[in-house]
Amino acid sequence: MKHRLIHMLVCTLTAMSLAGCIESPDPSYEQTTRVHIGDLAPAFVVATIDDQTISLDDLRGRVVLLTFFSSACPDCHAQFEHIKSRITAFDSSKFCFLPIARNEKRATVEQFRLENGYTFDMGFDPEGEIYALYATRYVPRNYLIDSDGRVISISAEPTPAQLDALLSTISEITK
């Protein structure tokens, strides 16, 4: 009897444990976002592969498209392909595209840029410290920051149509 009770208890606990694993869906974009529309964008300083150090505070007065990405992410590559020729059309005195590689070292980002023929500068965040200020999961992740430093748009894993809308917004606010 005692042996049978222990066996039932072990089976029940095992079933409950497995059910927890199966039923736990991935968290939503909203659940993994630490910065929201209307928030002042958290300050940071990032090194770039073009040997610059960029401070978000130094970009005040310009609209910033902050994009977190991974060189191994097909969606990130697709986003860059979709926007690369259009980003250069914006006036650099009013706009800055700032892509930052999450959890990647300089050499990895340099190779990614070279292999894909990207000409825009890229930052690297090898420990994910900058990314952690903004989110806990998912790339590509975009934060559109106005000239006052406030987040005005957020997108994660955007569709081409969402990217087009984002580019239209940038065009409107940088006129």
Protein backbone atom coordinates (compact mmCIF):
# COMPACT_ATOMS: atom_id res chain seq x y z
CA MET A 1 0.00 0.00 0.00
CA LYS A 2 2.75 2.45 1.00
CA HIS A 3 4.76 1.52 -2.08
CA ARG A 4 1.72 2.05 -4.31
CA LEU A 5 1.06 5.51 -2.79
CA ILE A 6 4.65 6.61 -3.43
CA HIS A 7 4.42 5.35 -7.01
CA MET A 8 1.20 7.34 -7.60
CA LEU A 9 2.76 10.45 -6.07
CA VAL A 10 5.84 10.17 -8.31
CA CYS A 11 3.66 9.64 -11.40
CA THR A 12 1.46 12.62 -10.53
CA LEU A 13 4.43 14.93 -9.94
CA THR A 14 6.07 13.79 -13.19
CA ALA A 15 2.86 14.41 -15.15
CA MET A 16 2.46 17.87 -13.60
CA SER A 17 6.06 18.72 -14.40
CA LEU A 18 5.73 17.61 -18.03
CA ALA A 19 2.45 19.45 -18.47
CA GLY A 20 4.13 22.64 -17.26
CA CYS A 21 6.79 22.28 -19.95
CA ILE A 22 4.36 21.56 -22.71
CA GLU A 23 1.85 24.26 -21.87
CA SER A 24 4.28 27.14 -21.26
CA PRO A 25 4.10 29.27 -24.42
CA ASP A 26 6.83 31.68 -25.40
CA PRO A 27 6.38 35.11 -23.85
CA SER A 28 4.90 37.80 -26.08
CA TYR A 29 6.83 40.75 -27.45
CA GLU A 30 5.07 42.98 -24.94
CA GLN A 31 6.07 40.73 -22.03
CA THR A 32 9.73 40.90 -23.07
CA THR A 33 9.81 44.66 -23.65
CA ARG A 34 11.32 46.81 -20.91
CA VAL A 35 10.91 50.17 -22.67
CA HIS A 36 7.56 51.39 -23.89
CA ILE A 37 6.20 54.06 -26.21
CA GLY A 38 6.47 57.44 -24.51
CA ASP A 39 9.41 56.39 -22.30
CA LEU A 40 12.69 58.23 -22.41
CA ALA A 41 15.07 55.82 -24.18
CA PRO A 42 17.65 54.43 -21.74
CA ALA A 43 21.07 55.99 -22.22
CA PHE A 44 24.02 53.90 -23.37
CA VAL A 45 27.36 54.12 -25.10
CA VAL A 46 28.21 51.62 -27.83
CA ALA A 47 31.41 50.87 -29.77
CA THR A 48 31.00 50.42 -33.52
CA ILE A 49 32.91 48.45 -36.10
CA ASP A 50 33.91 51.75 -37.75
CA ASP A 51 35.91 52.57 -34.59
CA GLN A 52 33.45 55.06 -33.20
CA THR A 53 31.90 55.33 -29.79
CA ILE A 54 28.29 56.47 -29.98
CA SER A 55 26.35 57.77 -27.02
CA LEU A 56 22.58 57.86 -27.35
CA ASP A 57 22.63 61.16 -25.45
CA ASP A 58 24.89 62.64 -28.15
CA LEU A 59 22.22 61.84 -30.75
CA ARG A 60 19.62 64.13 -29.14
CA GLY A 61 18.19 66.45 -31.73
CA ARG A 62 18.11 63.64 -34.29
CA VAL A 63 15.60 60.87 -34.87
CA VAL A 64 17.20 57.48 -34.14
CA LEU A 65 16.20 54.07 -35.42
CA LEU A 66 17.76 51.76 -32.86
CA THR A 67 17.75 48.19 -34.15
CA PHE A 68 18.92 45.22 -32.10
CA PHE A 69 19.90 42.24 -34.24
CA SER A 70 21.85 39.00 -34.44
CA SER A 71 24.09 38.06 -37.35
CA ALA A 72 22.63 34.52 -37.24
CA CYS A 73 19.03 35.75 -37.49
CA PRO A 74 17.38 35.35 -40.92
CA ASP A 75 14.70 37.92 -40.02
CA CYS A 76 17.40 40.45 -39.12
CA HIS A 77 19.11 39.93 -42.45
CA ALA A 78 15.77 40.26 -44.27
CA GLN A 79 15.06 43.54 -42.45
CA PHE A 80 18.46 44.96 -43.40
CA GLU A 81 17.97 43.90 -47.00
CA HIS A 82 14.56 45.56 -47.03
CA ILE A 83 15.73 48.91 -45.65
CA LYS A 84 19.42 49.23 -46.61
CA SER A 85 18.98 51.33 -49.75
CA ARG A 86 16.20 53.42 -48.22
CA ILE A 87 17.98 54.29 -44.96
CA THR A 88 20.72 56.17 -46.82
CA ALA A 89 18.15 58.55 -48.33
CA PHE A 90 17.50 60.21 -44.95
CA ASP A 91 19.35 63.39 -43.98
CA SER A 92 22.08 62.33 -41.54
CA SER A 93 21.83 65.66 -39.72
CA LYS A 94 18.25 64.72 -38.77
CA PHE A 95 18.39 60.92 -38.64
CA CYS A 96 20.67 58.14 -37.39
CA PHE A 97 20.29 54.43 -38.08
CA LEU A 98 21.94 52.60 -35.20
CA PRO A 99 21.94 48.81 -35.51
CA ILE A 100 23.48 46.99 -32.53
CA ALA A 101 24.36 43.31 -32.53
CA ARG A 102 23.10 41.65 -29.37
CA ASN A 103 25.53 39.26 -27.64
CA GLU A 104 28.10 39.37 -30.44
CA LYS A 105 31.74 40.33 -30.60
CA ARG A 106 33.22 42.84 -33.01
CA ALA A 107 34.78 40.21 -35.33
CA THR A 108 31.43 38.46 -35.83
CA VAL A 109 29.69 41.73 -36.68
CA GLU A 110 32.49 42.78 -39.03
CA GLN A 111 32.23 39.46 -40.89
CA PHE A 112 28.42 39.73 -41.12
CA ARG A 113 28.68 43.25 -42.53
CA LEU A 114 31.38 42.27 -45.04
CA GLU A 115 29.59 39.11 -46.23
CA ASN A 116 26.34 41.00 -46.83
CA GLY A 117 27.79 44.17 -48.32
CA TYR A 118 26.24 46.49 -45.76
CA THR A 119 27.80 49.94 -45.73
CA PHE A 120 26.11 51.36 -42.64
CA ASP A 121 27.99 51.28 -39.35
CA MET A 122 27.01 48.71 -36.73
CA GLY A 123 27.48 48.59 -32.99
CA PHE A 124 28.24 45.48 -31.01
CA ASP A 125 27.01 44.57 -27.55
CA PRO A 126 29.02 41.44 -26.65
CA GLU A 127 27.50 40.94 -23.20
CA GLY A 128 23.97 42.03 -24.13
CA GLU A 129 24.05 44.83 -21.55
CA ILE A 130 22.57 47.47 -23.84
CA TYR A 131 19.92 45.09 -25.13
CA ALA A 132 18.96 44.22 -21.54
CA LEU A 133 18.01 47.86 -20.96
CA TYR A 134 15.37 47.56 -23.68
CA ALA A 135 14.19 43.94 -23.83
CA THR A 136 14.79 40.38 -22.73
CA ARG A 137 14.08 38.49 -25.94
CA TYR A 138 13.51 38.60 -29.71
CA VAL A 139 15.38 40.22 -32.59
CA PRO A 140 15.17 42.11 -34.80
CA ARG A 141 13.75 44.65 -32.45
CA ASN A 142 13.34 48.29 -33.46
CA TYR A 143 12.93 51.37 -31.30
CA LEU A 144 12.19 54.62 -33.09
CA ILE A 145 13.37 57.46 -30.86
CA ASP A 146 12.37 61.06 -31.50
CA SER A 147 14.70 64.06 -31.37
CA ASP A 148 13.85 64.57 -27.67
CA GLY A 149 14.95 61.03 -26.79
CA ARG A 150 11.47 59.53 -26.37
CA VAL A 151 10.45 56.18 -27.84
CA ILE A 152 7.69 56.74 -30.39
CA SER A 153 7.51 53.32 -32.02
CA ILE A 154 8.52 49.75 -31.19
CA SER A 155 8.50 46.69 -33.41
CA ALA A 156 9.81 43.17 -33.02
CA GLU A 157 10.28 40.83 -35.98
CA PRO A 158 8.44 43.30 -38.24
CA THR A 159 6.85 42.37 -41.54
CA PRO A 160 7.87 44.20 -44.74
CA ALA A 161 4.65 46.24 -44.50
CA GLN A 162 5.49 47.25 -40.93
CA LEU A 163 9.00 48.24 -42.05
CA ASP A 164 7.52 50.35 -44.84
CA ALA A 165 5.27 52.10 -42.32
CA LEU A 166 8.27 52.68 -40.04
CA LEU A 167 10.26 54.20 -42.90
CA SER A 168 7.28 56.42 -43.79
CA THR A 169 7.11 57.63 -40.20
CA ILE A 170 10.82 58.45 -40.28
CA SER A 171 10.35 60.33 -43.53
CA GLU A 172 7.49 62.38 -42.07
CA ILE A 173 9.21 63.35 -38.84
CA THR A 174 12.56 64.22 -40.44
CA LYS A 175 11.18 66.64 -43.07
